[in-house]
Every structure is written in structure tokens, then in C-alpha cells.
Amino acid sequence: MLHSPYTRFTGDADHGRVPVITPVWVRLDAIYLRVPGAPVHTVVTGLDMTGEVPGRLTGWFPTAKGDWLGVVDFEIPYADQRRNKLEVADQIVPAYALRRRDS
């Protein structure tokens, strides 16, 4: 797990420290932008980078220009609706692509 200077923890040295996990929604179409006018080549077995998926936020990093990037684990579905999803861990996601969700 990637820890940032802004990762919050619970527990202590005697009982173990565990990062605080914040449930979020990740906007996939906000982190993957298509080049305007690029031709579409549909791949039915490809990753579906549209909509929102649930994620687990564990920390933050500031950019040099003052924007914030969350450290997030989430799953990306496939376009063919298969049960398995691509699990990605410790992804750096811009704050504008995240929103808090209820557990």
C-alpha cells in the first residue's frame, strides 16, 4: 500500500497501525480522456472506461501547482460484462474524478 504524507491511520504501535480507508466513487471517463476526433475502434472485450466505479481512498498527494491526487484502489469492468474485473491498486487519481460515497 502506498502511503502519502496525508495518509491517516488508526491504531497505534502496540496494536498495529491501519490506514483509514474512505469509500469513494471513481469517474472512469474523467481519468481516461479520448483524443477529440480520434476514430473509434470498438473492442468488445476491452475495458469499459465509462461511468463510475466504487473505490477505496487511502491518501493524498499535492501537485506542484496545488491540485490534489488521491491514492485509490478500484476495479475496472470489461465491456463484455464478464464477472471478473481488472483490479488496480494504489492508483493516483485527480481529485476532480473522485467523490465520497456512503459505505
Protein backbone atom coordinates (compact mmCIF):
# COMPACT_ATOMS: atom_id res chain seq x y z
CA MET A 1 0.00 0.00 0.00
CA LEU A 2 1.28 3.43 -0.98
CA HIS A 3 1.40 5.85 1.95
CA SER A 4 1.41 9.58 1.38
CA PRO A 5 2.27 12.29 3.88
CA TYR A 6 -1.51 12.77 4.10
CA THR A 7 -2.45 9.14 4.79
CA ARG A 8 -4.45 8.92 8.02
CA PHE A 9 -4.02 5.92 10.32
CA THR A 10 -5.93 4.32 13.16
CA GLY A 11 -4.41 2.20 15.89
CA ASP A 12 -1.00 2.56 17.47
CA ALA A 13 2.45 0.99 17.54
CA ASP A 14 1.36 -1.61 20.12
CA HIS A 15 -1.77 -2.79 18.32
CA GLY A 16 -0.85 -2.07 14.71
CA ARG A 17 -1.47 0.96 12.56
CA VAL A 18 -4.02 0.65 9.79
CA PRO A 19 -4.69 3.28 7.14
CA VAL A 20 -8.11 4.92 7.23
CA ILE A 21 -9.98 3.92 4.07
CA THR A 22 -12.52 6.37 2.66
CA PRO A 23 -15.14 4.95 0.27
CA VAL A 24 -15.27 7.00 -2.96
CA TRP A 25 -16.71 6.88 -6.46
CA VAL A 26 -14.13 7.00 -9.26
CA ARG A 27 -15.24 8.61 -12.55
CA LEU A 28 -13.50 6.44 -15.13
CA ASP A 29 -14.32 8.73 -18.05
CA ALA A 30 -12.63 11.60 -16.15
CA ILE A 31 -9.33 9.75 -15.77
CA TYR A 32 -9.28 8.41 -19.33
CA LEU A 33 -9.86 11.09 -21.92
CA ARG A 34 -10.09 10.30 -25.61
CA VAL A 35 -8.32 12.47 -28.15
CA PRO A 36 -11.01 14.63 -29.78
CA GLY A 37 -11.81 13.34 -33.24
CA ALA A 38 -9.87 10.11 -32.83
CA PRO A 39 -11.54 7.22 -34.69
CA VAL A 40 -13.42 4.72 -32.57
CA HIS A 41 -12.34 1.08 -32.88
CA THR A 42 -14.75 -0.92 -30.75
CA VAL A 43 -13.16 -3.79 -28.83
CA VAL A 44 -15.96 -5.78 -27.18
CA THR A 45 -13.54 -7.48 -24.79
CA GLY A 46 -11.83 -4.20 -23.80
CA LEU A 47 -12.04 -2.25 -20.58
CA ASP A 48 -15.18 -0.15 -20.08
CA MET A 49 -13.80 3.26 -19.10
CA THR A 50 -17.20 4.93 -18.71
CA GLY A 51 -19.26 5.81 -15.67
CA GLU A 52 -18.33 5.49 -12.02
CA VAL A 53 -16.99 2.57 -10.01
CA PRO A 54 -16.55 2.21 -6.25
CA GLY A 55 -13.07 2.82 -4.91
CA ARG A 56 -11.10 2.89 -1.66
CA LEU A 57 -9.16 6.10 -1.00
CA THR A 58 -6.14 5.77 1.32
CA GLY A 59 -4.23 9.02 0.95
CA TRP A 60 -3.48 12.21 -0.95
CA PHE A 61 -0.57 13.87 -2.74
CA PRO A 62 -0.45 17.55 -3.71
CA THR A 63 0.87 18.55 -7.12
CA ALA A 64 3.39 21.35 -7.65
CA LYS A 65 0.53 23.53 -8.95
CA GLY A 66 -1.69 22.95 -5.89
CA ASP A 67 -4.05 20.30 -7.24
CA TRP A 68 -4.71 17.13 -5.27
CA LEU A 69 -4.30 13.49 -6.31
CA GLY A 70 -5.92 10.65 -4.37
CA VAL A 71 -4.34 7.23 -3.83
CA VAL A 72 -7.14 4.81 -4.74
CA ASP A 73 -7.80 1.09 -5.22
CA PHE A 74 -10.66 0.21 -7.59
CA GLU A 75 -11.86 -2.27 -10.22
CA ILE A 76 -12.40 -1.57 -13.92
CA PRO A 77 -15.13 -3.61 -15.65
CA TYR A 78 -14.79 -5.18 -19.08
CA ALA A 79 -17.17 -4.10 -21.86
CA ASP A 80 -18.41 -7.68 -22.37
CA GLN A 81 -19.87 -7.71 -18.83
CA ARG A 82 -17.70 -10.62 -17.65
CA ARG A 83 -17.75 -11.28 -13.92
CA ASN A 84 -14.02 -10.66 -13.40
CA LYS A 85 -12.78 -7.07 -13.37
CA LEU A 86 -9.33 -5.56 -13.60
CA GLU A 87 -8.23 -4.79 -10.04
CA VAL A 88 -5.90 -1.81 -9.76
CA ALA A 89 -4.20 -0.74 -6.53
CA ASP A 90 -2.53 2.48 -5.41
CA GLN A 91 -3.62 4.45 -8.47
CA ILE A 92 -3.02 8.20 -8.50
CA VAL A 93 -6.40 9.77 -9.41
CA PRO A 94 -7.13 13.52 -9.73
CA ALA A 95 -9.45 14.84 -7.03
CA TYR A 96 -11.97 16.03 -9.64
CA ALA A 97 -12.54 12.38 -10.64
CA LEU A 98 -13.41 11.34 -7.06
CA ARG A 99 -16.45 11.85 -4.88
CA ARG A 100 -17.21 10.48 -1.45
CA ARG A 101 -19.72 7.64 -1.21
CA ASP A 102 -21.61 6.06 1.65
CA SER A 103 -20.15 2.76 2.77
